Amino acid sequence: MRQWLQSSVLLVLGGAALLAAPALAATANFNATAMIIGPINVAPVTQLSFGSLFAGASAGTVTIDASGNRNTSGGVTAGGGSVSAASFTISGQASQAYTITLPAATNLTSGANTMPISIAAADLSGGSTTRVTDAGGNDSFSLGGTLSVGANQAPGSYAATLTITVNH
């Protein structure tokens, strides 16, 4: 009986050793990364200028395209002066997409007198408000607009401050 007891004890101890054996497990390491994108900057180079205009007896428009070309229609006649599209430089992260938010329609004013100005994506060089910086993180674009001149618009120097926003 003593031998049977010893065998039973060995069997129980051996079985317990099998139950206490370590499980087959594996581990793996992994990396976590993040990139902080630097700010994007926009700076004006030239201002949008419609030049000098003659207002006629009927209303009309003057349009400056993204290349700085002026076109008049209706009762508006070009009168010379400096004409230019607004142009901007962008600096930021290399090869980074960004969007341009154009200014809302507003008015140029001269005292109590106003003329509506509008700027649309079609007035933007390339025709799109989504762009990408180059490998150096730079880009540039120009922007035209359309000015509505009233019939017999009052003479004066008209101006407005418009804002564009760039976001990436």
C-alpha atoms as a PDB file:
ATOM      1  CA  MET A   1       0.000   0.000   0.000  1.00  0.00           C
ATOM      2  CA  ARG A   2       2.887   2.206   0.708  1.00  0.00           C
ATOM      3  CA  GLN A   3       4.033   1.846  -2.867  1.00  0.00           C
ATOM      4  CA  TRP A   4       0.564   2.614  -4.153  1.00  0.00           C
ATOM      5  CA  LEU A   5       0.511   5.742  -1.957  1.00  0.00           C
ATOM      6  CA  GLN A   6       3.901   6.845  -3.242  1.00  0.00           C
ATOM      7  CA  SER A   7       2.804   6.269  -6.823  1.00  0.00           C
ATOM      8  CA  SER A   8      -0.399   8.195  -6.207  1.00  0.00           C
ATOM      9  CA  VAL A   9       1.520  11.077  -4.674  1.00  0.00           C
ATOM     10  CA  LEU A  10       3.926  11.167  -7.602  1.00  0.00           C
ATOM     11  CA  LEU A  11       1.044  11.040 -10.025  1.00  0.00           C
ATOM     12  CA  VAL A  12      -0.754  13.882  -8.266  1.00  0.00           C
ATOM     13  CA  LEU A  13       2.457  15.956  -8.067  1.00  0.00           C
ATOM     14  CA  GLY A  14       3.244  15.259 -11.704  1.00  0.00           C
ATOM     15  CA  GLY A  15      -0.277  16.261 -12.746  1.00  0.00           C
ATOM     16  CA  ALA A  16      -0.020  19.448 -10.705  1.00  0.00           C
ATOM     17  CA  ALA A  17       3.268  20.221 -12.445  1.00  0.00           C
ATOM     18  CA  LEU A  18       1.548  19.888 -15.797  1.00  0.00           C
ATOM     19  CA  LEU A  19      -1.241  22.215 -14.706  1.00  0.00           C
ATOM     20  CA  ALA A  20       1.267  24.802 -13.432  1.00  0.00           C
ATOM     21  CA  ALA A  21       3.328  24.798 -16.646  1.00  0.00           C
ATOM     22  CA  PRO A  22       3.561  28.236 -18.236  1.00  0.00           C
ATOM     23  CA  ALA A  23       1.113  28.966 -21.064  1.00  0.00           C
ATOM     24  CA  LEU A  24       2.522  29.455 -24.521  1.00  0.00           C
ATOM     25  CA  ALA A  25       2.553  33.263 -25.008  1.00  0.00           C
ATOM     26  CA  ALA A  26       4.166  35.784 -27.290  1.00  0.00           C
ATOM     27  CA  THR A  27       4.774  39.510 -27.025  1.00  0.00           C
ATOM     28  CA  ALA A  28       5.251  42.199 -29.629  1.00  0.00           C
ATOM     29  CA  ASN A  29       6.424  45.774 -29.496  1.00  0.00           C
ATOM     30  CA  PHE A  30       4.899  48.545 -31.576  1.00  0.00           C
ATOM     31  CA  ASN A  31       5.524  52.227 -32.119  1.00  0.00           C
ATOM     32  CA  ALA A  32       3.167  55.129 -31.683  1.00  0.00           C
ATOM     33  CA  THR A  33       3.861  58.250 -33.735  1.00  0.00           C
ATOM     34  CA  ALA A  34       2.510  61.740 -34.224  1.00  0.00           C
ATOM     35  CA  MET A  35       3.527  64.662 -36.371  1.00  0.00           C
ATOM     36  CA  ILE A  36       2.766  68.205 -35.338  1.00  0.00           C
ATOM     37  CA  ILE A  37       2.192  70.329 -38.419  1.00  0.00           C
ATOM     38  CA  GLY A  38       3.600  73.821 -38.189  1.00  0.00           C
ATOM     39  CA  PRO A  39       1.490  76.880 -38.824  1.00  0.00           C
ATOM     40  CA  ILE A  40       0.607  78.001 -42.303  1.00  0.00           C
ATOM     41  CA  ASN A  41       1.255  81.645 -43.137  1.00  0.00           C
ATOM     42  CA  VAL A  42      -0.224  83.907 -45.792  1.00  0.00           C
ATOM     43  CA  ALA A  43       1.201  87.285 -46.776  1.00  0.00           C
ATOM     44  CA  PRO A  44      -0.138  89.792 -49.317  1.00  0.00           C
ATOM     45  CA  VAL A  45       2.213  90.765 -52.148  1.00  0.00           C
ATOM     46  CA  THR A  46      -0.016  93.028 -54.276  1.00  0.00           C
ATOM     47  CA  GLN A  47      -3.416  94.583 -53.592  1.00  0.00           C
ATOM     48  CA  LEU A  48      -6.545  94.245 -55.739  1.00  0.00           C
ATOM     49  CA  SER A  49      -6.851  97.456 -57.741  1.00  0.00           C
ATOM     50  CA  PHE A  50      -9.591  98.240 -60.254  1.00  0.00           C
ATOM     51  CA  GLY A  51      -7.786 101.402 -61.372  1.00  0.00           C
ATOM     52  CA  SER A  52      -9.542 104.608 -62.416  1.00  0.00           C
ATOM     53  CA  LEU A  53     -13.049 104.335 -63.851  1.00  0.00           C
ATOM     54  CA  PHE A  54     -15.665 106.538 -65.519  1.00  0.00           C
ATOM     55  CA  ALA A  55     -19.237 105.865 -64.381  1.00  0.00           C
ATOM     56  CA  GLY A  56     -21.822 106.384 -67.110  1.00  0.00           C
ATOM     57  CA  ALA A  57     -25.554 106.958 -67.130  1.00  0.00           C
ATOM     58  CA  SER A  58     -26.151 103.200 -66.825  1.00  0.00           C
ATOM     59  CA  ALA A  59     -24.777 100.761 -64.269  1.00  0.00           C
ATOM     60  CA  GLY A  60     -21.999  98.356 -65.172  1.00  0.00           C
ATOM     61  CA  THR A  61     -19.215  96.180 -63.836  1.00  0.00           C
ATOM     62  CA  VAL A  62     -15.461  96.058 -63.883  1.00  0.00           C
ATOM     63  CA  THR A  63     -13.727  92.719 -63.471  1.00  0.00           C
ATOM     64  CA  ILE A  64     -10.099  92.002 -62.674  1.00  0.00           C
ATOM     65  CA  ASP A  65      -9.105  88.413 -63.441  1.00  0.00           C
ATOM     66  CA  ALA A  66      -6.460  86.443 -61.541  1.00  0.00           C
ATOM     67  CA  SER A  67      -3.839  87.566 -64.095  1.00  0.00           C
ATOM     68  CA  GLY A  68      -4.615  91.246 -63.461  1.00  0.00           C
ATOM     69  CA  ASN A  69      -6.513  91.916 -66.699  1.00  0.00           C
ATOM     70  CA  ARG A  70      -9.366  94.432 -66.478  1.00  0.00           C
ATOM     71  CA  ASN A  71     -12.672  94.131 -68.353  1.00  0.00           C
ATOM     72  CA  THR A  72     -15.553  96.604 -68.186  1.00  0.00           C
ATOM     73  CA  SER A  73     -19.192  96.248 -69.161  1.00  0.00           C
ATOM     74  CA  GLY A  74     -22.356  98.342 -69.193  1.00  0.00           C
ATOM     75  CA  GLY A  75     -21.911 102.048 -68.491  1.00  0.00           C
ATOM     76  CA  VAL A  76     -18.388 101.704 -67.010  1.00  0.00           C
ATOM     77  CA  THR A  77     -15.337 102.863 -68.968  1.00  0.00           C
ATOM     78  CA  ALA A  78     -11.727 102.200 -67.992  1.00  0.00           C
ATOM     79  CA  GLY A  79      -9.890 105.418 -67.191  1.00  0.00           C
ATOM     80  CA  GLY A  80      -6.321 104.242 -66.674  1.00  0.00           C
ATOM     81  CA  GLY A  81      -4.585 104.039 -63.347  1.00  0.00           C
ATOM     82  CA  SER A  82      -2.876 101.087 -61.715  1.00  0.00           C
ATOM     83  CA  VAL A  83      -4.691  97.774 -62.216  1.00  0.00           C
ATOM     84  CA  SER A  84      -3.732  94.540 -60.439  1.00  0.00           C
ATOM     85  CA  ALA A  85      -5.050  91.306 -59.034  1.00  0.00           C
ATOM     86  CA  ALA A  86      -4.346  90.687 -55.366  1.00  0.00           C
ATOM     87  CA  SER A  87      -1.501  88.208 -54.915  1.00  0.00           C
ATOM     88  CA  PHE A  88      -0.352  86.237 -51.892  1.00  0.00           C
ATOM     89  CA  THR A  89       2.489  83.973 -50.803  1.00  0.00           C
ATOM     90  CA  ILE A  90       2.005  80.932 -48.598  1.00  0.00           C
ATOM     91  CA  SER A  91       4.619  79.333 -46.353  1.00  0.00           C
ATOM     92  CA  GLY A  92       4.189  76.262 -44.201  1.00  0.00           C
ATOM     93  CA  GLN A  93       4.672  72.506 -44.178  1.00  0.00           C
ATOM     94  CA  ALA A  94       6.092  70.825 -47.302  1.00  0.00           C
ATOM     95  CA  SER A  95       3.544  69.190 -49.628  1.00  0.00           C
ATOM     96  CA  GLN A  96       0.662  70.123 -47.322  1.00  0.00           C
ATOM     97  CA  ALA A  97      -2.878  70.603 -48.643  1.00  0.00           C
ATOM     98  CA  TYR A  98      -4.660  73.773 -47.605  1.00  0.00           C
ATOM     99  CA  THR A  99      -7.885  75.588 -48.389  1.00  0.00           C
ATOM    100  CA  ILE A 100      -8.577  79.233 -49.037  1.00  0.00           C
ATOM    101  CA  THR A 101     -11.696  80.853 -47.624  1.00  0.00           C
ATOM    102  CA  LEU A 102     -12.619  83.800 -49.784  1.00  0.00           C
ATOM    103  CA  PRO A 103     -14.037  87.019 -48.375  1.00  0.00           C
ATOM    104  CA  ALA A 104     -17.778  87.503 -48.248  1.00  0.00           C
ATOM    105  CA  ALA A 105     -19.326  90.002 -50.641  1.00  0.00           C
ATOM    106  CA  THR A 106     -18.873  93.497 -49.282  1.00  0.00           C
ATOM    107  CA  ASN A 107     -18.802  97.113 -50.410  1.00  0.00           C
ATOM    108  CA  LEU A 108     -16.072  99.519 -51.354  1.00  0.00           C
ATOM    109  CA  THR A 109     -16.908 102.820 -49.690  1.00  0.00           C
ATOM    110  CA  SER A 110     -16.152 106.476 -50.193  1.00  0.00           C
ATOM    111  CA  GLY A 111     -17.851 108.448 -47.442  1.00  0.00           C
ATOM    112  CA  ALA A 112     -21.543 107.542 -47.636  1.00  0.00           C
ATOM    113  CA  ASN A 113     -21.218 106.100 -51.170  1.00  0.00           C
ATOM    114  CA  THR A 114     -20.741 102.385 -51.811  1.00  0.00           C
ATOM    115  CA  MET A 115     -20.038  99.913 -54.639  1.00  0.00           C
ATOM    116  CA  PRO A 116     -20.513  96.143 -54.165  1.00  0.00           C
ATOM    117  CA  ILE A 117     -17.494  93.892 -54.707  1.00  0.00           C
ATOM    118  CA  SER A 118     -17.619  90.112 -55.036  1.00  0.00           C
ATOM    119  CA  ILE A 119     -14.888  87.517 -55.174  1.00  0.00           C
ATOM    120  CA  ALA A 120     -15.519  83.929 -56.274  1.00  0.00           C
ATOM    121  CA  ALA A 121     -13.401  80.799 -56.690  1.00  0.00           C
ATOM    122  CA  ALA A 122     -13.423  81.502 -60.439  1.00  0.00           C
ATOM    123  CA  ASP A 123     -11.487  84.688 -59.627  1.00  0.00           C
ATOM    124  CA  LEU A 124      -8.696  82.616 -58.019  1.00  0.00           C
ATOM    125  CA  SER A 125      -5.660  81.563 -60.063  1.00  0.00           C
ATOM    126  CA  GLY A 126      -6.175  77.886 -60.856  1.00  0.00           C
ATOM    127  CA  GLY A 127      -9.909  78.217 -60.126  1.00  0.00           C
ATOM    128  CA  SER A 128      -9.812  76.101 -56.956  1.00  0.00           C
ATOM    129  CA  THR A 129      -9.833  77.003 -53.278  1.00  0.00           C
ATOM    130  CA  THR A 130      -7.930  73.790 -52.422  1.00  0.00           C
ATOM    131  CA  ARG A 131      -4.199  73.866 -53.068  1.00  0.00           C
ATOM    132  CA  VAL A 132      -0.949  72.128 -51.992  1.00  0.00           C
ATOM    133  CA  THR A 133       2.354  73.671 -50.936  1.00  0.00           C
ATOM    134  CA  ASP A 134       5.471  72.623 -52.840  1.00  0.00           C
ATOM    135  CA  ALA A 135       8.348  70.501 -51.484  1.00  0.00           C
ATOM    136  CA  GLY A 136       9.748  73.611 -49.783  1.00  0.00           C
ATOM    137  CA  GLY A 137       6.399  74.397 -48.105  1.00  0.00           C
ATOM    138  CA  ASN A 138       5.645  77.392 -50.360  1.00  0.00           C
ATOM    139  CA  ASP A 139       2.917  78.421 -52.745  1.00  0.00           C
ATOM    140  CA  SER A 140       1.495  81.583 -54.253  1.00  0.00           C
ATOM    141  CA  PHE A 141      -1.784  82.570 -55.807  1.00  0.00           C
ATOM    142  CA  SER A 142      -3.581  85.609 -57.122  1.00  0.00           C
ATOM    143  CA  LEU A 143      -7.151  86.721 -56.835  1.00  0.00           C
ATOM    144  CA  GLY A 144      -9.358  88.990 -58.914  1.00  0.00           C
ATOM    145  CA  GLY A 145     -12.887  90.236 -58.351  1.00  0.00           C
ATOM    146  CA  THR A 146     -15.901  92.029 -59.762  1.00  0.00           C
ATOM    147  CA  LEU A 147     -16.950  95.541 -58.829  1.00  0.00           C
ATOM    148  CA  SER A 148     -20.495  96.744 -59.530  1.00  0.00           C
ATOM    149  CA  VAL A 149     -20.571 100.419 -60.448  1.00  0.00           C
ATOM    150  CA  GLY A 150     -23.884 102.239 -60.180  1.00  0.00           C
ATOM    151  CA  ALA A 151     -25.320 104.544 -62.816  1.00  0.00           C
ATOM    152  CA  ASN A 152     -23.731 107.976 -62.328  1.00  0.00           C
ATOM    153  CA  GLN A 153     -21.721 106.587 -59.374  1.00  0.00           C
ATOM    154  CA  ALA A 154     -20.487 109.451 -57.188  1.00  0.00           C
ATOM    155  CA  PRO A 155     -16.823 110.370 -57.761  1.00  0.00           C
ATOM    156  CA  GLY A 156     -14.422 109.460 -54.967  1.00  0.00           C
ATOM    157  CA  SER A 157     -11.694 107.144 -53.810  1.00  0.00           C
ATOM    158  CA  TYR A 158     -13.399 103.883 -52.802  1.00  0.00           C
ATOM    159  CA  ALA A 159     -11.763 101.267 -50.572  1.00  0.00           C
ATOM    160  CA  ALA A 160     -12.458  98.259 -48.329  1.00  0.00           C
ATOM    161  CA  THR A 161     -10.421  95.824 -46.287  1.00  0.00           C
ATOM    162  CA  LEU A 162     -11.117  92.229 -47.253  1.00  0.00           C
ATOM    163  CA  THR A 163      -9.892  89.105 -45.483  1.00  0.00           C
ATOM    164  CA  ILE A 164      -8.911  85.699 -46.821  1.00  0.00           C
ATOM    165  CA  THR A 165      -8.225  82.749 -44.566  1.00  0.00           C
ATOM    166  CA  VAL A 166      -5.993  79.749 -45.281  1.00  0.00           C
ATOM    167  CA  ASN A 167      -6.319  76.507 -43.323  1.00  0.00           C
ATOM    168  CA  HIS A 168      -4.660  73.146 -43.549  1.00  0.00           C
END
